[in-house]
Amino acid sequence: KAPRPTRAEGSDVANAVIDGADCVMLSGETAKGEYPVPAVATMAKLAREAEQAIHYRSLRNELRELAVTPTSSTETCALAAVDASLSNKAKAIICLTTSGRSARLISKWRPECPIIAVTRVPHTARQMQLHRGVTPLFYGKPREMSESWSQDVDNRFFWAMEQGKALGWLKSGDGIVGVQGWEGGPGHTNTVRILLVH
């Protein structure tokens, strides 16, 4: 009923972010209330503020200690991509994914740069919007029969770079980290590449 959240409501949002929530949502009462748009804006501001309080290097180290080994090739690539993005000061991680699992695992390791997730599956693109730092892009162009797998992969990476430029995240000469699989379909992620934006 009020345009401003109570202290308890504000701290609930901040604590959820600090505790590792990928997303937060309005309660039914607030969403149906008189101020749904200002409530979302306030919640976004609170989430951004709370993220500033998280020490991501310590968080990643703690996650490493808790990880059950051996990890899957997809999770190993996700962690390697985040490490590479930090070492390389990459402007983005571009992930080619069918199921969204690769993007979710990269998000789990909390990189400092955006994750651009490219998929040909519309419902996967919608689902990936729930993961922290992931911007899903639907790539609607089917693979040409005359195209090799590597050409198709490169086309999707170049297209994602153009989308990153359009979003203002990338410019020519920037370093990015690319994550892909050796063949199509879920469960094949096994390659991390360092690329330059053209």
N, C-alpha and C. Protein backbone atom coordinates (compact mmCIF):
# COMPACT_ATOMS: atom_id res chain seq x y z
N LYS A 1 0.82 -1.20 0.00
CA LYS A 1 0.00 0.00 0.00
C LYS A 1 0.86 1.26 0.00
N ALA A 2 2.12 1.13 0.33
CA ALA A 2 3.00 2.31 0.36
C ALA A 2 4.00 2.23 -0.78
N PRO A 3 4.42 3.41 -1.30
CA PRO A 3 5.37 3.39 -2.42
C PRO A 3 6.79 2.99 -2.02
N ARG A 4 7.09 3.00 -0.74
CA ARG A 4 8.44 2.64 -0.28
C ARG A 4 8.37 1.34 0.53
N PRO A 5 9.40 0.49 0.41
CA PRO A 5 9.39 -0.76 1.18
C PRO A 5 9.69 -0.50 2.65
N THR A 6 9.22 -1.40 3.49
CA THR A 6 9.60 -1.32 4.89
C THR A 6 11.06 -1.78 5.03
N ARG A 7 11.64 -1.51 6.18
CA ARG A 7 13.02 -1.94 6.42
C ARG A 7 13.13 -3.46 6.30
N ALA A 8 12.13 -4.18 6.81
CA ALA A 8 12.15 -5.65 6.73
C ALA A 8 12.09 -6.13 5.27
N GLU A 9 11.23 -5.50 4.47
CA GLU A 9 11.13 -5.89 3.06
C GLU A 9 12.44 -5.63 2.32
N GLY A 10 13.04 -4.47 2.58
CA GLY A 10 14.31 -4.13 1.94
C GLY A 10 15.42 -5.08 2.35
N SER A 11 15.48 -5.40 3.64
CA SER A 11 16.54 -6.30 4.09
C SER A 11 16.31 -7.73 3.59
N ASP A 12 15.06 -8.13 3.40
CA ASP A 12 14.78 -9.46 2.83
C ASP A 12 15.36 -9.57 1.43
N VAL A 13 15.18 -8.55 0.61
CA VAL A 13 15.72 -8.55 -0.76
C VAL A 13 17.24 -8.58 -0.71
N ALA A 14 17.84 -7.70 0.08
CA ALA A 14 19.30 -7.62 0.16
C ALA A 14 19.89 -8.93 0.67
N ASN A 15 19.29 -9.50 1.70
CA ASN A 15 19.81 -10.76 2.24
C ASN A 15 19.68 -11.91 1.25
N ALA A 16 18.62 -11.93 0.47
CA ALA A 16 18.47 -12.98 -0.55
C ALA A 16 19.61 -12.90 -1.56
N VAL A 17 19.95 -11.69 -1.99
CA VAL A 17 21.05 -11.50 -2.95
C VAL A 17 22.38 -11.90 -2.32
N ILE A 18 22.62 -11.45 -1.11
CA ILE A 18 23.87 -11.77 -0.42
C ILE A 18 24.00 -13.27 -0.17
N ASP A 19 22.87 -13.93 0.05
CA ASP A 19 22.87 -15.39 0.27
C ASP A 19 23.02 -16.18 -1.03
N GLY A 20 23.04 -15.49 -2.17
CA GLY A 20 23.33 -16.17 -3.44
C GLY A 20 22.16 -16.37 -4.37
N ALA A 21 21.01 -15.76 -4.09
CA ALA A 21 19.86 -15.91 -5.00
C ALA A 21 20.20 -15.32 -6.36
N ASP A 22 19.84 -16.02 -7.41
CA ASP A 22 20.07 -15.52 -8.77
C ASP A 22 19.05 -14.46 -9.14
N CYS A 23 17.84 -14.58 -8.61
CA CYS A 23 16.80 -13.60 -8.92
C CYS A 23 15.85 -13.49 -7.73
N VAL A 24 15.14 -12.39 -7.70
CA VAL A 24 14.10 -12.17 -6.69
C VAL A 24 12.84 -11.74 -7.42
N MET A 25 11.70 -11.93 -6.77
CA MET A 25 10.44 -11.54 -7.41
C MET A 25 9.52 -10.90 -6.38
N LEU A 26 8.56 -10.16 -6.89
CA LEU A 26 7.59 -9.52 -6.02
C LEU A 26 6.62 -10.55 -5.46
N SER A 27 6.14 -10.31 -4.25
CA SER A 27 5.07 -11.14 -3.72
C SER A 27 3.78 -10.79 -4.45
N GLY A 28 2.80 -11.65 -4.33
CA GLY A 28 1.52 -11.43 -5.00
C GLY A 28 0.87 -10.12 -4.58
N GLU A 29 0.92 -9.80 -3.28
CA GLU A 29 0.30 -8.57 -2.78
C GLU A 29 0.96 -7.35 -3.39
N THR A 30 2.28 -7.35 -3.47
CA THR A 30 3.00 -6.20 -4.00
C THR A 30 2.78 -6.07 -5.51
N ALA A 31 2.80 -7.21 -6.21
CA ALA A 31 2.61 -7.17 -7.66
C ALA A 31 1.23 -6.65 -8.04
N LYS A 32 0.23 -6.95 -7.20
CA LYS A 32 -1.14 -6.50 -7.47
C LYS A 32 -1.44 -5.15 -6.82
N GLY A 33 -0.48 -4.62 -6.08
CA GLY A 33 -0.70 -3.38 -5.35
C GLY A 33 -0.74 -2.16 -6.25
N GLU A 34 -0.73 -1.00 -5.62
CA GLU A 34 -0.85 0.26 -6.35
C GLU A 34 0.47 0.71 -6.98
N TYR A 35 1.60 0.13 -6.58
CA TYR A 35 2.91 0.63 -7.04
C TYR A 35 3.81 -0.50 -7.56
N PRO A 36 3.35 -1.32 -8.50
CA PRO A 36 4.20 -2.44 -8.93
C PRO A 36 5.47 -2.01 -9.67
N VAL A 37 5.39 -0.98 -10.49
CA VAL A 37 6.57 -0.55 -11.25
C VAL A 37 7.62 0.08 -10.32
N PRO A 38 7.25 1.01 -9.44
CA PRO A 38 8.25 1.51 -8.49
C PRO A 38 8.80 0.40 -7.58
N ALA A 39 7.97 -0.60 -7.26
CA ALA A 39 8.45 -1.70 -6.41
C ALA A 39 9.55 -2.49 -7.11
N VAL A 40 9.36 -2.75 -8.41
CA VAL A 40 10.39 -3.47 -9.17
C VAL A 40 11.66 -2.63 -9.27
N ALA A 41 11.51 -1.33 -9.52
CA ALA A 41 12.68 -0.44 -9.62
C ALA A 41 13.44 -0.40 -8.29
N THR A 42 12.71 -0.32 -7.20
CA THR A 42 13.35 -0.31 -5.88
C THR A 42 14.04 -1.64 -5.60
N MET A 43 13.38 -2.75 -5.96
CA MET A 43 13.98 -4.06 -5.76
C MET A 43 15.27 -4.20 -6.57
N ALA A 44 15.27 -3.72 -7.80
CA ALA A 44 16.48 -3.78 -8.64
C ALA A 44 17.61 -2.96 -8.02
N LYS A 45 17.26 -1.78 -7.51
CA LYS A 45 18.27 -0.93 -6.87
C LYS A 45 18.84 -1.62 -5.63
N LEU A 46 17.98 -2.21 -4.81
CA LEU A 46 18.44 -2.93 -3.62
C LEU A 46 19.34 -4.11 -4.00
N ALA A 47 18.98 -4.83 -5.05
CA ALA A 47 19.79 -5.98 -5.48
C ALA A 47 21.16 -5.53 -5.95
N ARG A 48 21.21 -4.43 -6.72
CA ARG A 48 22.52 -3.92 -7.17
C ARG A 48 23.38 -3.48 -5.99
N GLU A 49 22.77 -2.81 -5.03
CA GLU A 49 23.50 -2.37 -3.84
C GLU A 49 24.03 -3.58 -3.06
N ALA A 50 23.19 -4.60 -2.90
CA ALA A 50 23.60 -5.78 -2.14
C ALA A 50 24.74 -6.51 -2.84
N GLU A 51 24.71 -6.55 -4.17
CA GLU A 51 25.80 -7.22 -4.90
C GLU A 51 27.14 -6.55 -4.65
N GLN A 52 27.13 -5.25 -4.40
CA GLN A 52 28.38 -4.53 -4.12
C GLN A 52 29.03 -5.01 -2.81
N ALA A 53 28.23 -5.60 -1.93
CA ALA A 53 28.73 -6.04 -0.62
C ALA A 53 29.36 -7.43 -0.67
N ILE A 54 29.23 -8.13 -1.81
CA ILE A 54 29.72 -9.50 -1.90
C ILE A 54 31.18 -9.49 -2.37
N HIS A 55 32.03 -10.23 -1.69
CA HIS A 55 33.43 -10.39 -2.10
C HIS A 55 33.50 -11.66 -2.94
N TYR A 56 33.46 -11.47 -4.26
CA TYR A 56 33.31 -12.61 -5.17
C TYR A 56 34.52 -13.53 -5.19
N ARG A 57 35.72 -13.00 -4.98
CA ARG A 57 36.90 -13.88 -4.97
C ARG A 57 36.79 -14.88 -3.82
N SER A 58 36.42 -14.40 -2.64
CA SER A 58 36.24 -15.30 -1.49
C SER A 58 35.12 -16.30 -1.75
N LEU A 59 34.04 -15.83 -2.38
CA LEU A 59 32.92 -16.70 -2.68
C LEU A 59 33.34 -17.82 -3.63
N ARG A 60 34.10 -17.47 -4.69
CA ARG A 60 34.56 -18.49 -5.63
C ARG A 60 35.48 -19.50 -4.94
N ASN A 61 36.36 -19.00 -4.07
CA ASN A 61 37.25 -19.93 -3.35
C ASN A 61 36.45 -20.87 -2.45
N GLU A 62 35.43 -20.35 -1.81
CA GLU A 62 34.58 -21.20 -0.95
C GLU A 62 33.83 -22.23 -1.79
N LEU A 63 33.32 -21.80 -2.96
CA LEU A 63 32.63 -22.74 -3.85
C LEU A 63 33.56 -23.85 -4.31
N ARG A 64 34.82 -23.49 -4.59
CA ARG A 64 35.82 -24.50 -5.01
C ARG A 64 36.02 -25.55 -3.93
N GLU A 65 36.12 -25.07 -2.69
CA GLU A 65 36.35 -26.00 -1.58
C GLU A 65 35.16 -26.93 -1.38
N LEU A 66 33.96 -26.45 -1.67
CA LEU A 66 32.76 -27.24 -1.47
C LEU A 66 32.42 -28.14 -2.66
N ALA A 67 33.04 -27.88 -3.81
CA ALA A 67 32.72 -28.64 -5.03
C ALA A 67 33.14 -30.10 -4.87
N VAL A 68 32.24 -30.99 -5.27
CA VAL A 68 32.53 -32.42 -5.24
C VAL A 68 33.35 -32.76 -6.49
N THR A 69 34.49 -33.39 -6.29
CA THR A 69 35.33 -33.74 -7.43
C THR A 69 35.28 -35.25 -7.67
N PRO A 70 35.48 -35.70 -8.88
CA PRO A 70 35.75 -34.88 -10.06
C PRO A 70 34.48 -34.22 -10.57
N THR A 71 34.64 -33.03 -11.15
CA THR A 71 33.49 -32.32 -11.71
C THR A 71 33.26 -32.79 -13.15
N SER A 72 32.06 -32.55 -13.66
CA SER A 72 31.76 -32.89 -15.05
C SER A 72 32.58 -32.00 -15.98
N SER A 73 32.70 -32.40 -17.23
CA SER A 73 33.45 -31.58 -18.18
C SER A 73 32.78 -30.22 -18.35
N THR A 74 31.46 -30.17 -18.29
CA THR A 74 30.75 -28.89 -18.44
C THR A 74 31.08 -27.96 -17.28
N GLU A 75 31.05 -28.48 -16.05
CA GLU A 75 31.37 -27.63 -14.90
C GLU A 75 32.83 -27.23 -14.90
N THR A 76 33.71 -28.14 -15.29
CA THR A 76 35.14 -27.83 -15.37
C THR A 76 35.37 -26.70 -16.37
N CYS A 77 34.69 -26.75 -17.52
CA CYS A 77 34.80 -25.69 -18.53
C CYS A 77 34.23 -24.37 -18.00
N ALA A 78 33.13 -24.44 -17.26
CA ALA A 78 32.53 -23.23 -16.69
C ALA A 78 33.50 -22.54 -15.75
N LEU A 79 34.12 -23.30 -14.86
CA LEU A 79 35.08 -22.73 -13.93
C LEU A 79 36.31 -22.20 -14.67
N ALA A 80 36.78 -22.94 -15.66
CA ALA A 80 37.94 -22.50 -16.45
C ALA A 80 37.61 -21.20 -17.19
N ALA A 81 36.39 -21.08 -17.70
CA ALA A 81 35.99 -19.86 -18.41
C ALA A 81 35.99 -18.66 -17.47
N VAL A 82 35.48 -18.84 -16.26
CA VAL A 82 35.47 -17.73 -15.29
C VAL A 82 36.90 -17.37 -14.90
N ASP A 83 37.74 -18.36 -14.63
CA ASP A 83 39.14 -18.08 -14.31
C ASP A 83 39.83 -17.35 -15.46
N ALA A 84 39.58 -17.80 -16.69
CA ALA A 84 40.18 -17.15 -17.86
C ALA A 84 39.69 -15.72 -18.01
N SER A 85 38.40 -15.50 -17.75
CA SER A 85 37.86 -14.13 -17.88
C SER A 85 38.49 -13.19 -16.86
N LEU A 86 38.79 -13.71 -15.67
CA LEU A 86 39.43 -12.88 -14.65
C LEU A 86 40.89 -12.60 -15.02
N SER A 87 41.62 -13.63 -15.45
CA SER A 87 43.02 -13.47 -15.81
C SER A 87 43.19 -12.57 -17.03
N ASN A 88 42.28 -12.68 -17.97
CA ASN A 88 42.35 -11.97 -19.24
C ASN A 88 41.64 -10.62 -19.19
N LYS A 89 40.96 -10.35 -18.07
CA LYS A 89 40.12 -9.15 -17.95
C LYS A 89 39.15 -9.06 -19.13
N ALA A 90 38.54 -10.18 -19.44
CA ALA A 90 37.61 -10.28 -20.57
C ALA A 90 36.40 -9.39 -20.32
N LYS A 91 35.86 -8.86 -21.39
CA LYS A 91 34.69 -8.00 -21.30
C LYS A 91 33.40 -8.81 -21.26
N ALA A 92 33.45 -10.08 -21.67
CA ALA A 92 32.25 -10.93 -21.64
C ALA A 92 32.67 -12.38 -21.80
N ILE A 93 31.79 -13.27 -21.38
CA ILE A 93 31.90 -14.70 -21.67
C ILE A 93 30.74 -15.02 -22.61
N ILE A 94 31.06 -15.54 -23.78
CA ILE A 94 30.02 -15.95 -24.73
C ILE A 94 29.93 -17.47 -24.68
N CYS A 95 28.73 -17.93 -24.42
CA CYS A 95 28.49 -19.36 -24.23
C CYS A 95 27.48 -19.83 -25.26
N LEU A 96 27.84 -20.86 -26.03
CA LEU A 96 26.89 -21.49 -26.94
C LEU A 96 26.27 -22.66 -26.20
N THR A 97 24.95 -22.67 -26.10
CA THR A 97 24.29 -23.69 -25.27
C THR A 97 22.97 -24.14 -25.89
N THR A 98 22.64 -25.38 -25.68
CA THR A 98 21.36 -25.93 -26.13
C THR A 98 20.37 -25.95 -24.96
N SER A 99 20.80 -26.50 -23.83
CA SER A 99 19.91 -26.67 -22.68
C SER A 99 19.97 -25.50 -21.70
N GLY A 100 21.03 -24.67 -21.78
CA GLY A 100 21.23 -23.60 -20.82
C GLY A 100 22.09 -23.99 -19.64
N ARG A 101 22.45 -25.27 -19.55
CA ARG A 101 23.22 -25.76 -18.40
C ARG A 101 24.60 -25.10 -18.33
N SER A 102 25.26 -24.94 -19.47
CA SER A 102 26.59 -24.32 -19.46
C SER A 102 26.52 -22.90 -18.91
N ALA A 103 25.54 -22.13 -19.38
CA ALA A 103 25.39 -20.75 -18.91
C ALA A 103 25.07 -20.73 -17.41
N ARG A 104 24.23 -21.65 -16.95
CA ARG A 104 23.89 -21.70 -15.52
C ARG A 104 25.12 -22.00 -14.67
N LEU A 105 25.96 -22.92 -15.15
CA LEU A 105 27.16 -23.27 -14.39
C LEU A 105 28.18 -22.14 -14.41
N ILE A 106 28.29 -21.43 -15.51
CA ILE A 106 29.19 -20.27 -15.54
C ILE A 106 28.68 -19.23 -14.54
N SER A 107 27.38 -18.99 -14.53
CA SER A 107 26.77 -18.05 -13.60
C SER A 107 27.04 -18.44 -12.15
N LYS A 108 27.02 -19.73 -11.88
CA LYS A 108 27.26 -20.23 -10.52
C LYS A 108 28.59 -19.74 -9.97
N TRP A 109 29.61 -19.64 -10.84
CA TRP A 109 30.95 -19.24 -10.40
C TRP A 109 31.12 -17.72 -10.37
N ARG A 110 30.06 -16.97 -10.61
CA ARG A 110 29.99 -15.52 -10.42
C ARG A 110 31.13 -14.75 -11.11
N PRO A 111 31.18 -14.79 -12.45
CA PRO A 111 32.20 -13.98 -13.13
C PRO A 111 31.92 -12.50 -12.95
N GLU A 112 32.94 -11.69 -13.19
CA GLU A 112 32.80 -10.24 -13.04
C GLU A 112 32.32 -9.59 -14.33
N CYS A 113 32.25 -10.34 -15.41
CA CYS A 113 31.80 -9.80 -16.69
C CYS A 113 30.46 -10.44 -17.06
N PRO A 114 29.73 -9.84 -18.02
CA PRO A 114 28.45 -10.43 -18.43
C PRO A 114 28.64 -11.78 -19.14
N ILE A 115 27.62 -12.60 -19.06
CA ILE A 115 27.58 -13.88 -19.77
C ILE A 115 26.56 -13.73 -20.90
N ILE A 116 27.01 -13.86 -22.13
CA ILE A 116 26.11 -13.82 -23.27
C ILE A 116 25.88 -15.25 -23.70
N ALA A 117 24.67 -15.75 -23.52
CA ALA A 117 24.36 -17.15 -23.81
C ALA A 117 23.55 -17.22 -25.10
N VAL A 118 24.08 -17.93 -26.09
CA VAL A 118 23.45 -18.04 -27.40
C VAL A 118 22.83 -19.42 -27.54
N THR A 119 21.54 -19.45 -27.89
CA THR A 119 20.85 -20.72 -28.05
C THR A 119 19.89 -20.66 -29.24
N ARG A 120 19.63 -21.82 -29.81
CA ARG A 120 18.63 -21.91 -30.87
C ARG A 120 17.28 -22.39 -30.32
N VAL A 121 17.18 -22.56 -29.02
CA VAL A 121 15.97 -23.11 -28.39
C VAL A 121 15.25 -21.98 -27.64
N PRO A 122 14.07 -21.57 -28.12
CA PRO A 122 13.38 -20.43 -27.50
C PRO A 122 13.10 -20.59 -26.01
N HIS A 123 12.63 -21.77 -25.57
CA HIS A 123 12.32 -21.90 -24.14
C HIS A 123 13.58 -21.89 -23.29
N THR A 124 14.70 -22.34 -23.84
CA THR A 124 15.97 -22.24 -23.11
C THR A 124 16.35 -20.78 -22.91
N ALA A 125 16.17 -19.96 -23.95
CA ALA A 125 16.47 -18.53 -23.84
C ALA A 125 15.62 -17.89 -22.74
N ARG A 126 14.34 -18.25 -22.69
CA ARG A 126 13.47 -17.68 -21.66
C ARG A 126 13.92 -18.12 -20.26
N GLN A 127 14.26 -19.39 -20.10
CA GLN A 127 14.65 -19.91 -18.78
C GLN A 127 15.96 -19.28 -18.29
N MET A 128 16.88 -19.01 -19.21
CA MET A 128 18.19 -18.47 -18.80
C MET A 128 18.09 -17.06 -18.25
N GLN A 129 16.98 -16.38 -18.45
CA GLN A 129 16.82 -15.03 -17.90
C GLN A 129 16.81 -15.04 -16.37
N LEU A 130 16.61 -16.21 -15.78
CA LEU A 130 16.54 -16.31 -14.31
C LEU A 130 17.91 -16.43 -13.65
N HIS A 131 18.97 -16.56 -14.43
CA HIS A 131 20.30 -16.78 -13.85
C HIS A 131 21.10 -15.49 -13.81
N ARG A 132 21.79 -15.29 -12.71
CA ARG A 132 22.53 -14.06 -12.47
C ARG A 132 23.57 -13.83 -13.56
N GLY A 133 23.56 -12.63 -14.12
CA GLY A 133 24.59 -12.22 -15.07
C GLY A 133 24.43 -12.77 -16.47
N VAL A 134 23.39 -13.55 -16.73
CA VAL A 134 23.22 -14.18 -18.04
C VAL A 134 22.26 -13.35 -18.90
N THR A 135 22.72 -12.99 -20.08
CA THR A 135 21.85 -12.37 -21.08
C THR A 135 21.66 -13.39 -22.19
N PRO A 136 20.48 -14.01 -22.26
CA PRO A 136 20.25 -15.02 -23.30
C PRO A 136 19.91 -14.35 -24.64
N LEU A 137 20.45 -14.93 -25.70
CA LEU A 137 20.16 -14.45 -27.05
C LEU A 137 19.65 -15.63 -27.88
N PHE A 138 18.50 -15.46 -28.49
CA PHE A 138 17.95 -16.51 -29.34
C PHE A 138 18.53 -16.35 -30.73
N TYR A 139 19.20 -17.39 -31.21
CA TYR A 139 19.80 -17.41 -32.55
C TYR A 139 18.88 -18.22 -33.44
N GLY A 140 18.11 -17.54 -34.26
CA GLY A 140 17.07 -18.20 -35.04
C GLY A 140 17.52 -18.78 -36.37
N LYS A 141 18.76 -18.51 -36.77
CA LYS A 141 19.21 -19.00 -38.07
C LYS A 141 19.60 -20.47 -37.98
N PRO A 142 18.96 -21.35 -38.76
CA PRO A 142 19.34 -22.77 -38.71
C PRO A 142 20.70 -22.99 -39.38
N ARG A 143 21.34 -24.06 -39.00
CA ARG A 143 22.63 -24.41 -39.59
C ARG A 143 22.43 -24.83 -41.04
N GLU A 144 23.24 -24.25 -41.92
CA GLU A 144 23.20 -24.60 -43.34
C GLU A 144 23.79 -25.99 -43.52
N MET A 145 23.21 -26.77 -44.43
CA MET A 145 23.72 -28.12 -44.68
C MET A 145 25.16 -28.10 -45.21
N SER A 146 25.52 -27.03 -45.94
CA SER A 146 26.87 -26.94 -46.50
C SER A 146 27.89 -26.44 -45.48
N GLU A 147 27.42 -25.99 -44.32
CA GLU A 147 28.30 -25.43 -43.30
C GLU A 147 28.90 -26.53 -42.43
N SER A 148 30.18 -26.40 -42.15
CA SER A 148 30.80 -27.33 -41.20
C SER A 148 30.40 -26.91 -39.79
N TRP A 149 30.62 -27.82 -38.84
CA TRP A 149 30.32 -27.52 -37.43
C TRP A 149 31.11 -26.29 -36.98
N SER A 150 32.40 -26.23 -37.32
CA SER A 150 33.24 -25.11 -36.88
C SER A 150 32.78 -23.79 -37.50
N GLN A 151 32.31 -23.81 -38.74
CA GLN A 151 31.79 -22.58 -39.36
C GLN A 151 30.54 -22.11 -38.63
N ASP A 152 29.66 -23.04 -38.31
CA ASP A 152 28.44 -22.70 -37.59
C ASP A 152 28.77 -22.11 -36.21
N VAL A 153 29.72 -22.71 -35.51
CA VAL A 153 30.14 -22.20 -34.20
C VAL A 153 30.68 -20.78 -34.35
N ASP A 154 31.58 -20.58 -35.32
CA ASP A 154 32.16 -19.24 -35.52
C ASP A 154 31.08 -18.22 -35.88
N ASN A 155 30.12 -18.61 -36.70
CA ASN A 155 29.04 -17.68 -37.06
C ASN A 155 28.26 -17.24 -35.82
N ARG A 156 27.99 -18.19 -34.92
CA ARG A 156 27.25 -17.84 -33.70
C ARG A 156 28.09 -16.94 -32.79
N PHE A 157 29.40 -17.21 -32.69
CA PHE A 157 30.26 -16.34 -31.88
C PHE A 157 30.30 -14.93 -32.47
N PHE A 158 30.49 -14.82 -33.79
CA PHE A 158 30.55 -13.49 -34.42
C PHE A 158 29.23 -12.74 -34.25
N TRP A 159 28.12 -13.47 -34.39
CA TRP A 159 26.80 -12.86 -34.20
C TRP A 159 26.65 -12.35 -32.76
N ALA A 160 27.08 -13.15 -31.80
CA ALA A 160 26.99 -12.74 -30.39
C ALA A 160 27.87 -11.52 -30.12
N MET A 161 29.04 -11.46 -30.76
CA MET A 161 29.90 -10.28 -30.60
C MET A 161 29.20 -9.04 -31.11
N GLU A 162 28.51 -9.16 -32.25
CA GLU A 162 27.77 -8.02 -32.79
C GLU A 162 26.66 -7.60 -31.84
N GLN A 163 25.98 -8.57 -31.25
CA GLN A 163 24.92 -8.25 -30.27
C GLN A 163 25.53 -7.57 -29.04
N GLY A 164 26.70 -8.04 -28.60
CA GLY A 164 27.39 -7.41 -27.47
C GLY A 164 27.78 -5.97 -27.77
N LYS A 165 28.19 -5.71 -29.01
CA LYS A 165 28.49 -4.32 -29.41
C LYS A 165 27.22 -3.48 -29.36
N ALA A 166 26.12 -4.04 -29.87
CA ALA A 166 24.85 -3.30 -29.88
C ALA A 166 24.38 -2.98 -28.46
N LEU A 167 24.68 -3.87 -27.51
CA LEU A 167 24.31 -3.63 -26.11
C LEU A 167 25.26 -2.65 -25.41
N GLY A 168 26.37 -2.33 -26.08
CA GLY A 168 27.35 -1.41 -25.49
C GLY A 168 28.34 -2.08 -24.57
N TRP A 169 28.38 -3.40 -24.54
CA TRP A 169 29.29 -4.13 -23.67
C TRP A 169 30.63 -4.40 -24.32
N LEU A 170 30.65 -4.50 -25.64
CA LEU A 170 31.86 -4.88 -26.37
C LEU A 170 32.20 -3.85 -27.42
N LYS A 171 33.50 -3.78 -27.72
CA LYS A 171 33.96 -2.98 -28.85
C LYS A 171 35.10 -3.74 -29.52
N SER A 172 35.44 -3.35 -30.73
CA SER A 172 36.50 -4.03 -31.47
C SER A 172 37.79 -4.03 -30.66
N GLY A 173 38.45 -5.18 -30.63
CA GLY A 173 39.70 -5.33 -29.90
C GLY A 173 39.55 -5.86 -28.49
N ASP A 174 38.33 -5.89 -27.96
CA ASP A 174 38.11 -6.43 -26.61
C ASP A 174 38.36 -7.93 -26.60
N GLY A 175 38.85 -8.42 -25.48
CA GLY A 175 39.01 -9.86 -25.29
C GLY A 175 37.74 -10.45 -24.70
N ILE A 176 37.37 -11.61 -25.17
CA ILE A 176 36.24 -12.33 -24.61
C ILE A 176 36.63 -13.80 -24.42
N VAL A 177 35.86 -14.50 -23.64
CA VAL A 177 36.05 -15.94 -23.46
C VAL A 177 34.86 -16.63 -24.12
N GLY A 178 35.15 -17.63 -24.94
CA GLY A 178 34.10 -18.40 -25.60
C GLY A 178 34.02 -19.81 -25.02
N VAL A 179 32.80 -20.29 -24.81
CA VAL A 179 32.56 -21.64 -24.29
C VAL A 179 31.65 -22.36 -25.28
N GLN A 180 32.05 -23.57 -25.67
CA GLN A 180 31.28 -24.32 -26.67
C GLN A 180 31.47 -25.81 -26.48
N GLY A 181 30.73 -26.57 -27.25
CA GLY A 181 30.87 -28.02 -27.26
C GLY A 181 31.51 -28.49 -28.54
N TRP A 182 31.88 -29.74 -28.55
CA TRP A 182 32.53 -30.31 -29.74
C TRP A 182 31.54 -30.80 -30.77
N GLU A 183 30.25 -30.88 -30.36
CA GLU A 183 29.18 -31.20 -31.30
C GLU A 183 27.88 -30.65 -30.74
N GLY A 184 26.83 -30.67 -31.55
CA GLY A 184 25.56 -30.12 -31.13
C GLY A 184 24.87 -30.94 -30.06
N GLY A 185 23.92 -30.30 -29.39
CA GLY A 185 23.13 -30.98 -28.37
C GLY A 185 23.67 -30.78 -26.98
N PRO A 186 22.85 -31.08 -25.98
CA PRO A 186 23.28 -30.88 -24.59
C PRO A 186 24.32 -31.92 -24.15
N GLY A 187 25.16 -31.50 -23.21
CA GLY A 187 26.11 -32.42 -22.59
C GLY A 187 27.44 -32.56 -23.29
N HIS A 188 27.74 -31.70 -24.27
CA HIS A 188 29.00 -31.83 -25.00
C HIS A 188 29.97 -30.67 -24.77
N THR A 189 29.69 -29.78 -23.82
CA THR A 189 30.56 -28.64 -23.58
C THR A 189 31.93 -29.11 -23.11
N ASN A 190 32.96 -28.73 -23.87
CA ASN A 190 34.31 -29.16 -23.50
C ASN A 190 35.40 -28.22 -23.99
N THR A 191 35.04 -27.03 -24.47
CA THR A 191 36.03 -26.15 -25.07
C THR A 191 35.89 -24.73 -24.54
N VAL A 192 37.02 -24.15 -24.12
CA VAL A 192 37.09 -22.76 -23.71
C VAL A 192 38.09 -22.07 -24.63
N ARG A 193 37.68 -20.96 -25.23
CA ARG A 193 38.54 -20.24 -26.17
C ARG A 193 38.67 -18.79 -25.73
N ILE A 194 39.83 -18.20 -26.01
CA ILE A 194 40.05 -16.76 -25.82
C ILE A 194 39.97 -16.13 -27.21
N LEU A 195 39.06 -15.17 -27.37
CA LEU A 195 38.80 -14.57 -28.68
C LEU A 195 38.88 -13.05 -28.58
N LEU A 196 39.13 -12.42 -29.72
CA LEU A 196 39.10 -10.96 -29.81
C LEU A 196 37.87 -10.55 -30.60
N VAL A 197 37.24 -9.47 -30.17
CA VAL A 197 36.08 -8.94 -30.88
C VAL A 197 36.57 -8.25 -32.13
N HIS A 198 35.95 -8.55 -33.27
CA HIS A 198 36.34 -7.95 -34.55
C HIS A 198 35.62 -6.63 -34.75
